[in-house]
C-alpha atoms as a PDB file:
ATOM      1  CA  MET A   1      -0.364   0.118   0.584  1.00  0.00           C
ATOM      2  CA  PHE A   2       2.414   2.677   0.358  1.00  0.00           C
ATOM      3  CA  CYS A   3       4.286   1.812  -2.832  1.00  0.00           C
ATOM      4  CA  TRP A   4       1.210   2.627  -4.089  1.00  0.00           C
ATOM      5  CA  VAL A   5       0.609   5.665  -2.067  1.00  0.00           C
ATOM      6  CA  LEU A   6       3.790   7.318  -2.824  1.00  0.00           C
ATOM      7  CA  VAL A   7       3.358   6.694  -6.317  1.00  0.00           C
ATOM      8  CA  CYS A   8      -0.362   8.878  -6.489  1.00  0.00           C
ATOM      9  CA  LEU A   9       1.191  11.502  -4.464  1.00  0.00           C
ATOM     10  CA  LEU A  10       4.551  11.860  -6.489  1.00  0.00           C
ATOM     11  CA  ILE A  11       1.919  12.302  -8.993  1.00  0.00           C
ATOM     12  CA  ALA A  12       0.047  14.496  -7.664  1.00  0.00           C
ATOM     13  CA  GLY A  13       3.177  16.848  -7.077  1.00  0.00           C
ATOM     14  CA  CYS A  14       4.095  16.939 -10.690  1.00  0.00           C
ATOM     15  CA  ASP A  15       0.991  18.217 -11.078  1.00  0.00           C
ATOM     16  CA  ALA A  16       1.147  21.126  -8.864  1.00  0.00           C
ATOM     17  CA  GLY A  17       4.865  22.401 -10.292  1.00  0.00           C
ATOM     18  CA  ASP A  18       7.569  22.909  -7.412  1.00  0.00           C
ATOM     19  CA  ARG A  19       6.538  22.304  -3.961  1.00  0.00           C
ATOM     20  CA  GLN A  20       8.143  20.293  -1.189  1.00  0.00           C
ATOM     21  CA  ASN A  21       5.140  17.371  -0.050  1.00  0.00           C
ATOM     22  CA  ASP A  22       5.557  15.393   1.867  1.00  0.00           C
ATOM     23  CA  THR A  23       4.814  11.426   2.601  1.00  0.00           C
ATOM     24  CA  VAL A  24       2.203  10.582   4.381  1.00  0.00           C
ATOM     25  CA  SER A  25       1.120   6.575   3.916  1.00  0.00           C
ATOM     26  CA  VAL A  26      -1.881   5.486   5.893  1.00  0.00           C
ATOM     27  CA  ILE A  27      -2.972   8.313   7.446  1.00  0.00           C
ATOM     28  CA  ARG A  28      -4.844   7.477  11.270  1.00  0.00           C
ATOM     29  CA  SER A  29      -6.878  10.353  12.926  1.00  0.00           C
ATOM     30  CA  VAL A  30      -9.467  12.078  15.515  1.00  0.00           C
ATOM     31  CA  THR A  31     -11.070  14.907  15.298  1.00  0.00           C
ATOM     32  CA  LEU A  32     -10.239  16.459  18.860  1.00  0.00           C
ATOM     33  CA  ASP A  33     -13.148  19.101  19.404  1.00  0.00           C
ATOM     34  CA  ALA A  34     -11.104  20.515  22.984  1.00  0.00           C
ATOM     35  CA  ARG A  35     -13.479  23.634  24.695  1.00  0.00           C
ATOM     36  CA  ASN A  36     -10.167  23.320  26.689  1.00  0.00           C
ATOM     37  CA  GLU A  37      -6.452  23.768  26.605  1.00  0.00           C
ATOM     38  CA  PRO A  38      -5.772  19.572  26.616  1.00  0.00           C
ATOM     39  CA  SER A  39      -3.502  18.237  29.493  1.00  0.00           C
ATOM     40  CA  ALA A  40       0.238  17.700  28.402  1.00  0.00           C
ATOM     41  CA  ALA A  41      -0.660  13.917  29.032  1.00  0.00           C
ATOM     42  CA  MET A  42      -3.316  14.073  25.685  1.00  0.00           C
ATOM     43  CA  LEU A  43      -0.208  13.609  23.000  1.00  0.00           C
ATOM     44  CA  PRO A  44       1.360  11.131  24.401  1.00  0.00           C
ATOM     45  CA  LYS A  45      -1.271   9.295  25.091  1.00  0.00           C
ATOM     46  CA  LEU A  46      -3.465   9.783  21.406  1.00  0.00           C
ATOM     47  CA  LYS A  47       0.164   8.399  19.961  1.00  0.00           C
ATOM     48  CA  GLU A  48       0.313   5.223  22.201  1.00  0.00           C
ATOM     49  CA  SER A  49      -2.709   4.395  20.727  1.00  0.00           C
ATOM     50  CA  GLY A  50      -1.292   4.433  16.756  1.00  0.00           C
ATOM     51  CA  LEU A  51      -2.158   8.014  15.935  1.00  0.00           C
ATOM     52  CA  THR A  52      -0.240   9.987  13.595  1.00  0.00           C
ATOM     53  CA  HIS A  53      -1.898  12.982  12.977  1.00  0.00           C
ATOM     54  CA  ILE A  54      -4.709  15.246  14.733  1.00  0.00           C
ATOM     55  CA  THR A  55      -7.285  16.640  12.789  1.00  0.00           C
ATOM     56  CA  LEU A  56      -8.458  20.703  13.293  1.00  0.00           C
ATOM     57  CA  VAL A  57     -11.721  21.773  12.609  1.00  0.00           C
ATOM     58  CA  GLN A  58     -11.979  25.655  12.144  1.00  0.00           C
ATOM     59  CA  PHE A  59     -15.808  27.317  11.815  1.00  0.00           C
ATOM     60  CA  GLY A  60     -16.366  30.022   9.067  1.00  0.00           C
ATOM     61  CA  PHE A  61     -20.662  30.909  10.341  1.00  0.00           C
ATOM     62  CA  GLN A  62     -22.803  31.336   7.356  1.00  0.00           C
ATOM     63  CA  ARG A  63     -26.924  32.826   8.321  1.00  0.00           C
ATOM     64  CA  ASP A  64     -28.476  30.319   5.437  1.00  0.00           C
ATOM     65  CA  ALA A  65     -27.596  28.451   2.190  1.00  0.00           C
ATOM     66  CA  ASP A  66     -28.770  31.428   0.698  1.00  0.00           C
ATOM     67  CA  ILE A  67     -27.042  34.513   2.559  1.00  0.00           C
ATOM     68  CA  PRO A  68     -23.387  34.637   1.747  1.00  0.00           C
ATOM     69  CA  GLU A  69     -21.556  35.989   3.856  1.00  0.00           C
ATOM     70  CA  ILE A  70     -19.063  34.050   5.974  1.00  0.00           C
ATOM     71  CA  ARG A  71     -18.246  34.558   9.079  1.00  0.00           C
ATOM     72  CA  MET A  72     -14.738  34.019  10.681  1.00  0.00           C
ATOM     73  CA  ASN A  73     -13.255  33.112  14.234  1.00  0.00           C
ATOM     74  CA  PRO A  74     -10.073  32.740  14.141  1.00  0.00           C
ATOM     75  CA  ASP A  75      -9.044  33.633  17.575  1.00  0.00           C
ATOM     76  CA  ALA A  76     -12.086  31.671  18.806  1.00  0.00           C
ATOM     77  CA  ARG A  77     -12.811  30.573  22.542  1.00  0.00           C
ATOM     78  CA  TRP A  78     -13.183  27.202  21.837  1.00  0.00           C
ATOM     79  CA  TYR A  79      -9.602  26.004  21.874  1.00  0.00           C
ATOM     80  CA  SER A  80      -9.358  23.519  19.040  1.00  0.00           C
ATOM     81  CA  GLU A  81     -10.882  25.595  16.780  1.00  0.00           C
ATOM     82  CA  SER A  82      -8.488  28.783  17.210  1.00  0.00           C
ATOM     83  CA  ASP A  83      -5.415  29.599  15.212  1.00  0.00           C
ATOM     84  CA  ARG A  84      -3.956  29.175  18.817  1.00  0.00           C
ATOM     85  CA  ALA A  85      -4.682  25.546  19.059  1.00  0.00           C
ATOM     86  CA  ALA A  86      -2.886  25.099  15.646  1.00  0.00           C
ATOM     87  CA  ARG A  87      -0.094  26.583  16.586  1.00  0.00           C
ATOM     88  CA  GLU A  88       0.606  25.304  19.402  1.00  0.00           C
ATOM     89  CA  LEU A  89      -0.358  21.494  19.435  1.00  0.00           C
ATOM     90  CA  SER A  90       1.673  21.091  16.083  1.00  0.00           C
ATOM     91  CA  GLN A  91       4.596  22.230  17.739  1.00  0.00           C
ATOM     92  CA  LYS A  92       4.045  19.192  20.635  1.00  0.00           C
ATOM     93  CA  ALA A  93       2.696  16.673  17.471  1.00  0.00           C
ATOM     94  CA  ASP A  94       5.636  17.714  15.515  1.00  0.00           C
ATOM     95  CA  SER A  95       7.633  16.850  18.726  1.00  0.00           C
ATOM     96  CA  LEU A  96       5.698  13.397  18.485  1.00  0.00           C
ATOM     97  CA  GLY A  97       6.587  12.101  15.205  1.00  0.00           C
ATOM     98  CA  MET A  98       2.655  13.265  14.207  1.00  0.00           C
ATOM     99  CA  GLY A  99       1.489  15.821  11.911  1.00  0.00           C
ATOM    100  CA  ILE A 100      -1.406  17.966  12.072  1.00  0.00           C
ATOM    101  CA  ILE A 101      -4.963  18.693   9.181  1.00  0.00           C
ATOM    102  CA  LEU A 102      -7.014  21.757   9.287  1.00  0.00           C
ATOM    103  CA  LYS A 103      -9.810  21.296   7.934  1.00  0.00           C
ATOM    104  CA  PRO A 104     -12.487  24.425   7.446  1.00  0.00           C
ATOM    105  CA  HIS A 105     -16.070  23.438   7.728  1.00  0.00           C
ATOM    106  CA  LEU A 106     -18.856  26.371   7.421  1.00  0.00           C
ATOM    107  CA  TRP A 107     -21.447  26.504  10.166  1.00  0.00           C
ATOM    108  CA  LEU A 108     -24.814  27.167   8.325  1.00  0.00           C
ATOM    109  CA  GLY A 109     -27.871  28.326  11.191  1.00  0.00           C
ATOM    110  CA  ARG A 110     -28.762  25.999  14.032  1.00  0.00           C
ATOM    111  CA  TYR A 111     -28.361  22.926  15.459  1.00  0.00           C
ATOM    112  CA  SER A 112     -30.210  19.722  13.943  1.00  0.00           C
ATOM    113  CA  SER A 113     -30.001  16.336  14.436  1.00  0.00           C
ATOM    114  CA  GLU A 114     -30.385  15.639   9.694  1.00  0.00           C
ATOM    115  CA  GLY A 115     -26.712  17.645  10.303  1.00  0.00           C
ATOM    116  CA  GLN A 116     -26.160  20.558   8.048  1.00  0.00           C
ATOM    117  CA  SER A 117     -27.307  21.587   5.041  1.00  0.00           C
ATOM    118  CA  ARG A 118     -24.045  23.366   4.365  1.00  0.00           C
ATOM    119  CA  SER A 119     -24.491  21.325   1.197  1.00  0.00           C
ATOM    120  CA  SER A 120     -26.959  23.205  -0.700  1.00  0.00           C
ATOM    121  CA  ILE A 121     -25.208  27.073   0.076  1.00  0.00           C
ATOM    122  CA  GLY A 122     -26.410  28.691  -4.260  1.00  0.00           C
ATOM    123  CA  TYR A 123     -27.839  31.579  -5.189  1.00  0.00           C
ATOM    124  CA  SER A 124     -29.565  32.290  -8.793  1.00  0.00           C
ATOM    125  CA  GLU A 125     -28.029  35.287  -9.378  1.00  0.00           C
ATOM    126  CA  GLU A 126     -23.915  35.686 -10.278  1.00  0.00           C
ATOM    127  CA  HIS A 127     -23.586  38.633  -8.180  1.00  0.00           C
ATOM    128  CA  ASP A 128     -24.471  36.146  -4.866  1.00  0.00           C
ATOM    129  CA  TRP A 129     -22.051  33.528  -6.387  1.00  0.00           C
ATOM    130  CA  GLN A 130     -19.007  35.698  -6.811  1.00  0.00           C
ATOM    131  CA  THR A 131     -20.028  37.498  -3.040  1.00  0.00           C
ATOM    132  CA  TRP A 132     -19.419  33.931  -1.724  1.00  0.00           C
ATOM    133  CA  GLU A 133     -16.054  33.138  -3.583  1.00  0.00           C
ATOM    134  CA  THR A 134     -14.899  35.907  -2.096  1.00  0.00           C
ATOM    135  CA  GLN A 135     -15.438  35.158   0.458  1.00  0.00           C
ATOM    136  CA  TYR A 136     -14.768  32.065   0.689  1.00  0.00           C
ATOM    137  CA  THR A 137     -11.052  32.418  -0.230  1.00  0.00           C
ATOM    138  CA  LYS A 138     -10.852  34.622   2.243  1.00  0.00           C
ATOM    139  CA  LEU A 139     -11.266  32.177   4.894  1.00  0.00           C
ATOM    140  CA  LEU A 140      -9.352  29.433   3.029  1.00  0.00           C
ATOM    141  CA  MET A 141      -6.474  31.080   1.972  1.00  0.00           C
ATOM    142  CA  HIS A 142      -6.014  32.022   5.574  1.00  0.00           C
ATOM    143  CA  TYR A 143      -6.180  28.810   6.348  1.00  0.00           C
ATOM    144  CA  ALA A 144      -4.003  27.768   3.574  1.00  0.00           C
ATOM    145  CA  HIS A 145      -1.450  30.496   5.346  1.00  0.00           C
ATOM    146  CA  LEU A 146      -1.351  29.189   8.295  1.00  0.00           C
ATOM    147  CA  ALA A 147      -1.395  25.723   7.162  1.00  0.00           C
ATOM    148  CA  GLU A 148       2.339  26.282   6.017  1.00  0.00           C
ATOM    149  CA  GLU A 149       3.518  28.554   8.909  1.00  0.00           C
ATOM    150  CA  ILE A 150       2.251  25.315  11.354  1.00  0.00           C
ATOM    151  CA  ASP A 151       3.581  22.133   8.551  1.00  0.00           C
ATOM    152  CA  ALA A 152       0.633  21.182   8.370  1.00  0.00           C
ATOM    153  CA  ALA A 153       0.480  18.185   6.853  1.00  0.00           C
ATOM    154  CA  MET A 154      -3.090  18.019   4.372  1.00  0.00           C
ATOM    155  CA  LEU A 155      -5.672  21.105   4.444  1.00  0.00           C
ATOM    156  CA  VAL A 156      -8.809  20.026   3.416  1.00  0.00           C
ATOM    157  CA  VAL A 157     -10.403  22.774   0.706  1.00  0.00           C
ATOM    158  CA  GLY A 158     -13.460  22.515   1.866  1.00  0.00           C
ATOM    159  CA  THR A 159     -16.613  20.328   4.036  1.00  0.00           C
ATOM    160  CA  GLU A 160     -19.735  18.491   1.502  1.00  0.00           C
ATOM    161  CA  LEU A 161     -20.371  22.230  -0.441  1.00  0.00           C
ATOM    162  CA  ALA A 162     -22.288  20.272  -2.575  1.00  0.00           C
ATOM    163  CA  ARG A 163     -23.750  22.423  -4.867  1.00  0.00           C
ATOM    164  CA  SER A 164     -21.076  24.869  -5.041  1.00  0.00           C
ATOM    165  CA  ALA A 165     -18.626  22.142  -6.094  1.00  0.00           C
ATOM    166  CA  HIS A 166     -21.263  21.040  -9.161  1.00  0.00           C
ATOM    167  CA  GLU A 167     -21.762  23.856  -9.794  1.00  0.00           C
ATOM    168  CA  ARG A 168     -18.586  26.559  -9.894  1.00  0.00           C
ATOM    169  CA  PRO A 169     -15.447  23.592 -10.722  1.00  0.00           C
ATOM    170  CA  ASP A 170     -14.035  26.560 -12.386  1.00  0.00           C
ATOM    171  CA  TYR A 171     -14.250  28.116  -8.789  1.00  0.00           C
ATOM    172  CA  TRP A 172     -12.740  25.294  -7.374  1.00  0.00           C
ATOM    173  CA  ARG A 173      -9.416  24.658  -9.525  1.00  0.00           C
ATOM    174  CA  GLY A 174      -8.167  27.925  -9.037  1.00  0.00           C
ATOM    175  CA  LEU A 175      -8.845  28.112  -5.736  1.00  0.00           C
ATOM    176  CA  ILE A 176      -7.020  25.228  -5.547  1.00  0.00           C
ATOM    177  CA  ARG A 177      -4.176  27.788  -7.770  1.00  0.00           C
ATOM    178  CA  ASP A 178      -3.977  29.615  -4.916  1.00  0.00           C
ATOM    179  CA  ILE A 179      -4.297  27.267  -2.287  1.00  0.00           C
ATOM    180  CA  ARG A 180      -1.175  25.670  -3.545  1.00  0.00           C
ATOM    181  CA  SER A 181       1.007  29.251  -4.253  1.00  0.00           C
ATOM    182  CA  VAL A 182       0.870  29.202  -0.665  1.00  0.00           C
ATOM    183  CA  TYR A 183       0.805  26.098   0.881  1.00  0.00           C
ATOM    184  CA  ARG A 184       3.183  23.177  -0.290  1.00  0.00           C
ATOM    185  CA  GLY A 185       1.235  20.206   1.225  1.00  0.00           C
ATOM    186  CA  ASN A 186      -1.454  17.985   1.205  1.00  0.00           C
ATOM    187  CA  LEU A 187      -4.340  18.907   0.038  1.00  0.00           C
ATOM    188  CA  THR A 188      -8.299  17.361  -0.278  1.00  0.00           C
ATOM    189  CA  TYR A 189     -11.827  18.276  -0.341  1.00  0.00           C
ATOM    190  CA  ALA A 190     -14.199  16.608   2.188  1.00  0.00           C
ATOM    191  CA  ALA A 191     -16.930  15.084  -0.302  1.00  0.00           C
ATOM    192  CA  ASN A 192     -20.200  13.891   0.975  1.00  0.00           C
ATOM    193  CA  TRP A 193     -20.764  10.201   0.543  1.00  0.00           C
ATOM    194  CA  TRP A 194     -24.229  10.929  -0.680  1.00  0.00           C
ATOM    195  CA  GLU A 195     -24.622  12.120  -4.058  1.00  0.00           C
ATOM    196  CA  GLU A 196     -20.922  13.914  -3.663  1.00  0.00           C
ATOM    197  CA  TYR A 197     -17.997  11.977  -3.916  1.00  0.00           C
ATOM    198  CA  GLU A 198     -18.146  10.350  -7.314  1.00  0.00           C
ATOM    199  CA  GLU A 199     -18.734  13.488  -8.915  1.00  0.00           C
ATOM    200  CA  ILE A 200     -16.371  16.218  -8.367  1.00  0.00           C
ATOM    201  CA  GLU A 201     -15.024  18.119 -11.214  1.00  0.00           C
ATOM    202  CA  PHE A 202     -11.195  18.795 -10.236  1.00  0.00           C
ATOM    203  CA  TRP A 203     -10.315  15.422  -8.316  1.00  0.00           C
ATOM    204  CA  ASP A 204      -7.320  15.354 -10.848  1.00  0.00           C
ATOM    205  CA  MET A 205      -6.020  18.873  -8.347  1.00  0.00           C
ATOM    206  CA  LEU A 206      -5.829  17.613  -5.557  1.00  0.00           C
ATOM    207  CA  ASP A 207      -3.695  14.568  -3.842  1.00  0.00           C
ATOM    208  CA  PHE A 208      -6.415  12.792  -2.182  1.00  0.00           C
ATOM    209  CA  ILE A 209     -10.121  11.745  -3.053  1.00  0.00           C
ATOM    210  CA  GLY A 210     -11.364  12.609   0.401  1.00  0.00           C
ATOM    211  CA  VAL A 211     -14.967  11.268   1.648  1.00  0.00           C
ATOM    212  CA  GLN A 212     -17.301  11.852   4.354  1.00  0.00           C
ATOM    213  CA  ALA A 213     -17.857   8.714   4.955  1.00  0.00           C
ATOM    214  CA  TYR A 214     -21.540   7.624   6.903  1.00  0.00           C
ATOM    215  CA  PHE A 215     -22.348   5.414   4.180  1.00  0.00           C
ATOM    216  CA  GLU A 216     -25.654   3.721   5.192  1.00  0.00           C
ATOM    217  CA  LEU A 217     -24.680  -0.281   5.635  1.00  0.00           C
ATOM    218  CA  SER A 218     -27.857  -1.586   7.023  1.00  0.00           C
ATOM    219  CA  ASP A 219     -32.114  -1.675   7.761  1.00  0.00           C
ATOM    220  CA  GLU A 220     -31.428  -4.802   9.826  1.00  0.00           C
ATOM    221  CA  PRO A 221     -32.603  -4.727  13.358  1.00  0.00           C
ATOM    222  CA  ASN A 222     -28.821  -5.373  15.243  1.00  0.00           C
ATOM    223  CA  PRO A 223     -27.751  -6.637  11.947  1.00  0.00           C
ATOM    224  CA  THR A 224     -24.593  -9.254  11.931  1.00  0.00           C
ATOM    225  CA  ASN A 225     -21.248  -8.332  11.351  1.00  0.00           C
ATOM    226  CA  GLY A 226     -22.052 -10.696   7.431  1.00  0.00           C
ATOM    227  CA  MET A 227     -24.866  -7.758   7.367  1.00  0.00           C
ATOM    228  CA  LEU A 228     -22.798  -4.542   7.513  1.00  0.00           C
ATOM    229  CA  ALA A 229     -19.542  -6.784   5.553  1.00  0.00           C
ATOM    230  CA  ASP A 230     -22.353  -7.151   2.909  1.00  0.00           C
ATOM    231  CA  GLY A 231     -23.579  -3.186   3.146  1.00  0.00           C
ATOM    232  CA  TRP A 232     -20.080  -2.085   2.460  1.00  0.00           C
ATOM    233  CA  GLU A 233     -19.614  -4.138  -0.730  1.00  0.00           C
ATOM    234  CA  PRO A 234     -21.595  -1.847  -3.379  1.00  0.00           C
ATOM    235  CA  HIS A 235     -19.728   1.828  -1.550  1.00  0.00           C
ATOM    236  CA  ILE A 236     -16.154  -0.179  -2.023  1.00  0.00           C
ATOM    237  CA  GLU A 237     -16.518  -1.320  -5.340  1.00  0.00           C
ATOM    238  CA  ALA A 238     -17.624   2.508  -6.474  1.00  0.00           C
ATOM    239  CA  LEU A 239     -14.919   3.587  -4.407  1.00  0.00           C
ATOM    240  CA  ALA A 240     -12.364   1.708  -6.040  1.00  0.00           C
ATOM    241  CA  GLY A 241     -13.403   2.169  -9.245  1.00  0.00           C
ATOM    242  CA  LEU A 242     -13.272   6.751  -8.612  1.00  0.00           C
ATOM    243  CA  SER A 243      -9.750   5.671  -7.517  1.00  0.00           C
ATOM    244  CA  LYS A 244      -8.577   4.271 -10.223  1.00  0.00           C
ATOM    245  CA  ARG A 245     -10.088   6.637 -12.709  1.00  0.00           C
ATOM    246  CA  MET A 246      -8.708   9.664 -11.052  1.00  0.00           C
ATOM    247  CA  ASN A 247      -5.418   7.556 -10.118  1.00  0.00           C
ATOM    248  CA  ARG A 248      -5.522   9.178  -6.022  1.00  0.00           C
ATOM    249  CA  PRO A 249      -5.930   7.366  -3.296  1.00  0.00           C
ATOM    250  CA  ILE A 250      -9.394   7.857  -1.088  1.00  0.00           C
ATOM    251  CA  LEU A 251      -8.996   8.990   2.780  1.00  0.00           C
ATOM    252  CA  PHE A 252     -12.456   9.081   4.830  1.00  0.00           C
ATOM    253  CA  THR A 253     -12.150  13.259   6.032  1.00  0.00           C
ATOM    254  CA  GLU A 254     -14.836  11.834   8.270  1.00  0.00           C
ATOM    255  CA  ILE A 255     -16.639   7.862   9.538  1.00  0.00           C
ATOM    256  CA  GLY A 256     -17.725   7.891  12.867  1.00  0.00           C
ATOM    257  CA  TYR A 257     -20.959   6.010  14.704  1.00  0.00           C
ATOM    258  CA  ARG A 258     -22.997   6.262  17.675  1.00  0.00           C
ATOM    259  CA  ASN A 259     -23.571   4.144  20.390  1.00  0.00           C
ATOM    260  CA  VAL A 260     -27.649   3.637  19.412  1.00  0.00           C
ATOM    261  CA  PRO A 261     -29.756   1.309  17.475  1.00  0.00           C
ATOM    262  CA  ASP A 262     -29.952   2.778  14.371  1.00  0.00           C
ATOM    263  CA  ALA A 263     -26.418   3.406  13.948  1.00  0.00           C
ATOM    264  CA  ALA A 264     -25.984   1.558  10.522  1.00  0.00           C
ATOM    265  CA  ALA A 265     -29.184   2.290   8.352  1.00  0.00           C
ATOM    266  CA  LYS A 266     -28.135   6.272  10.042  1.00  0.00           C
ATOM    267  CA  PRO A 267     -23.985   6.682  10.753  1.00  0.00           C
ATOM    268  CA  TRP A 268     -24.737  10.618   9.715  1.00  0.00           C
ATOM    269  CA  ARG A 269     -27.944  10.785  12.551  1.00  0.00           C
ATOM    270  CA  TRP A 270     -25.859  13.756  14.892  1.00  0.00           C
ATOM    271  CA  PRO A 271     -27.617  12.939  17.983  1.00  0.00           C
ATOM    272  CA  SER A 272     -31.121  14.597  19.903  1.00  0.00           C
ATOM    273  CA  ARG A 273     -32.057  17.070  22.018  1.00  0.00           C
ATOM    274  CA  GLY A 274     -33.745  14.404  24.612  1.00  0.00           C
ATOM    275  CA  GLU A 275     -32.736  12.004  22.794  1.00  0.00           C
ATOM    276  CA  ALA A 276     -30.572  10.004  25.810  1.00  0.00           C
ATOM    277  CA  ASP A 277     -34.294  10.081  28.248  1.00  0.00           C
ATOM    278  CA  LEU A 278     -35.405   8.080  25.342  1.00  0.00           C
ATOM    279  CA  VAL A 279     -32.737   5.295  23.429  1.00  0.00           C
ATOM    280  CA  GLU A 280     -30.939   3.004  24.744  1.00  0.00           C
ATOM    281  CA  PRO A 281     -27.475   2.726  24.143  1.00  0.00           C
ATOM    282  CA  ASP A 282     -25.641  -0.239  22.589  1.00  0.00           C
ATOM    283  CA  ASP A 283     -22.125   0.066  22.789  1.00  0.00           C
ATOM    284  CA  ASP A 284     -21.815  -3.186  20.916  1.00  0.00           C
ATOM    285  CA  LEU A 285     -23.036  -2.443  17.132  1.00  0.00           C
ATOM    286  CA  GLN A 286     -21.045   0.816  17.924  1.00  0.00           C
ATOM    287  CA  ALA A 287     -18.109  -0.901  17.961  1.00  0.00           C
ATOM    288  CA  ARG A 288     -18.644  -3.489  15.405  1.00  0.00           C
ATOM    289  CA  LEU A 289     -19.100  -1.185  13.116  1.00  0.00           C
ATOM    290  CA  TYR A 290     -15.392  -0.263  13.472  1.00  0.00           C
ATOM    291  CA  GLU A 291     -14.306  -3.528  13.335  1.00  0.00           C
ATOM    292  CA  VAL A 292     -15.837  -4.767  10.149  1.00  0.00           C
ATOM    293  CA  PHE A 293     -14.929  -0.516   8.851  1.00  0.00           C
ATOM    294  CA  PHE A 294     -10.972  -2.699   9.993  1.00  0.00           C
ATOM    295  CA  ASP A 295     -11.835  -5.169   8.332  1.00  0.00           C
ATOM    296  CA  GLU A 296     -13.205  -4.729   5.071  1.00  0.00           C
ATOM    297  CA  LEU A 297     -11.159  -1.736   4.534  1.00  0.00           C
ATOM    298  CA  TRP A 298      -7.986  -0.531   5.795  1.00  0.00           C
ATOM    299  CA  ASP A 299      -6.401  -3.355   3.707  1.00  0.00           C
ATOM    300  CA  LYS A 300      -7.735  -1.404   0.123  1.00  0.00           C
ATOM    301  CA  PRO A 301      -4.167  -0.477  -1.842  1.00  0.00           C
ATOM    302  CA  TRP A 302      -6.116   2.868  -2.534  1.00  0.00           C
ATOM    303  CA  PHE A 303      -7.001   2.898   1.580  1.00  0.00           C
ATOM    304  CA  SER A 304      -5.280   5.480   2.701  1.00  0.00           C
ATOM    305  CA  GLY A 305      -6.224   5.550   6.032  1.00  0.00           C
ATOM    306  CA  ALA A 306      -9.370   7.127   8.047  1.00  0.00           C
ATOM    307  CA  ILE A 307     -10.148  10.817  10.597  1.00  0.00           C
ATOM    308  CA  LEU A 308     -12.019   9.243  12.574  1.00  0.00           C
ATOM    309  CA  TRP A 309     -15.156  11.604  13.847  1.00  0.00           C
ATOM    310  CA  LYS A 310     -14.280  12.414  17.466  1.00  0.00           C
ATOM    311  CA  TRP A 311     -12.709  13.081  20.195  1.00  0.00           C
ATOM    312  CA  TYR A 312     -12.480  15.300  23.402  1.00  0.00           C
ATOM    313  CA  GLY A 313     -10.068  17.089  24.923  1.00  0.00           C
ATOM    314  CA  ASP A 314      -8.763  15.129  28.457  1.00  0.00           C
ATOM    315  CA  ARG A 315      -9.930  18.694  30.575  1.00  0.00           C
ATOM    316  CA  ASP A 316     -13.454  18.727  29.175  1.00  0.00           C
ATOM    317  CA  ARG A 317     -16.922  17.505  30.079  1.00  0.00           C
ATOM    318  CA  PRO A 318     -18.031  15.307  27.439  1.00  0.00           C
ATOM    319  CA  ARG A 319     -21.920  14.446  25.575  1.00  0.00           C
ATOM    320  CA  THR A 320     -20.574  11.136  25.554  1.00  0.00           C
ATOM    321  CA  HIS A 321     -23.756   9.232  26.284  1.00  0.00           C
ATOM    322  CA  LEU A 322     -25.046   8.022  22.606  1.00  0.00           C
ATOM    323  CA  ASP A 323     -22.770  10.087  21.204  1.00  0.00           C
ATOM    324  CA  PHE A 324     -20.240  10.353  18.644  1.00  0.00           C
ATOM    325  CA  THR A 325     -16.872   9.576  20.033  1.00  0.00           C
ATOM    326  CA  PRO A 326     -16.054   5.906  21.631  1.00  0.00           C
ATOM    327  CA  GLN A 327     -14.159   7.124  24.441  1.00  0.00           C
ATOM    328  CA  GLY A 328     -14.758   5.053  27.346  1.00  0.00           C
ATOM    329  CA  LYS A 329     -16.890   2.408  24.875  1.00  0.00           C
ATOM    330  CA  PRO A 330     -15.417  -0.944  23.990  1.00  0.00           C
ATOM    331  CA  ALA A 331     -15.255   0.906  20.386  1.00  0.00           C
ATOM    332  CA  GLU A 332     -11.959   2.497  21.300  1.00  0.00           C
ATOM    333  CA  GLU A 333     -10.335  -0.317  22.152  1.00  0.00           C
ATOM    334  CA  VAL A 334     -11.012  -1.550  18.967  1.00  0.00           C
ATOM    335  CA  ILE A 335      -9.548   1.445  16.958  1.00  0.00           C
ATOM    336  CA  ARG A 336      -7.114   0.991  19.722  1.00  0.00           C
ATOM    337  CA  SER A 337      -6.379  -2.219  18.395  1.00  0.00           C
ATOM    338  CA  ARG A 338      -6.178  -1.632  15.483  1.00  0.00           C
ATOM    339  CA  PHE A 339      -4.707   1.197  15.103  1.00  0.00           C
ATOM    340  CA  THR A 340      -1.384  -0.229  16.584  1.00  0.00           C
ATOM    341  CA  ALA A 341      -1.726  -2.775  14.417  1.00  0.00           C
ATOM    342  CA  SER A 342      -0.614  -1.158  12.125  1.00  0.00           C
ATOM    343  CA  LEU A 343       2.224   0.169  12.523  1.00  0.00           C
END
């Protein structure tokens, strides 16, 4: 697998021009969500669990899909979303031989258990498109400069912006060229699993095909591992085909499962308010979903790893009950054993 990925990265480097593109083999990462600065012990513990990278999400805020104004917040008080965290954690990670991935998101409107509708951002008037694109470029160029400053291993140029990606591919090609002019690391785009990742026209300009991998696997109550593996089959076929056509490795820019009974049927569903009083946790299903994921995908020659959603800072009081985090649940040991086995 290492050789195949290295070839792809070298090809991508030639396409993008003369830049110092760090070799990345198999990525084992979690998205860190830390309200407070983590303790000095947190990163070494993650390193011992087999992680190669820490992923940080920085938000731009947009009131609605049809309102083209984006608000930046580089000095966010939520630690992991701030530029300060990127600078501090990059130094600590580097001392451990780990890398940092920056993954800007747009937060749209209010919280919803159906997730964010950023895929619908789009406009009927050209001047609104241009307003949005100018502001989005400002957001991404800020993080491109930050990524270069901290020597980040990777920058994600967009997350689940399906309408824009489909309708305005020339904008994205121009944005990627602008980012390449200031940042020499690896680039990807995080495309949604549903009606997006197979339609992106600019994968050839990026180093990885990024997929938000919340694939629906089984509607059966308490599905067996065999059922879950069967559910992966058509998705694996599609992913392998796209990787071959584009000559790029696949990276799961997000994958995660909640410890709830419908996690295999609706893995993308966020916790709803008040759900904890109504739903019985299913820790076993969460753990088995991770087991099957590793069994079915981890050793594929076109697969370059995953960013797991998500991991709370150790000085926080996380809402772990029925949440996506594997912390303190059987899934945590599954992840640790599989990550360390591939070292």
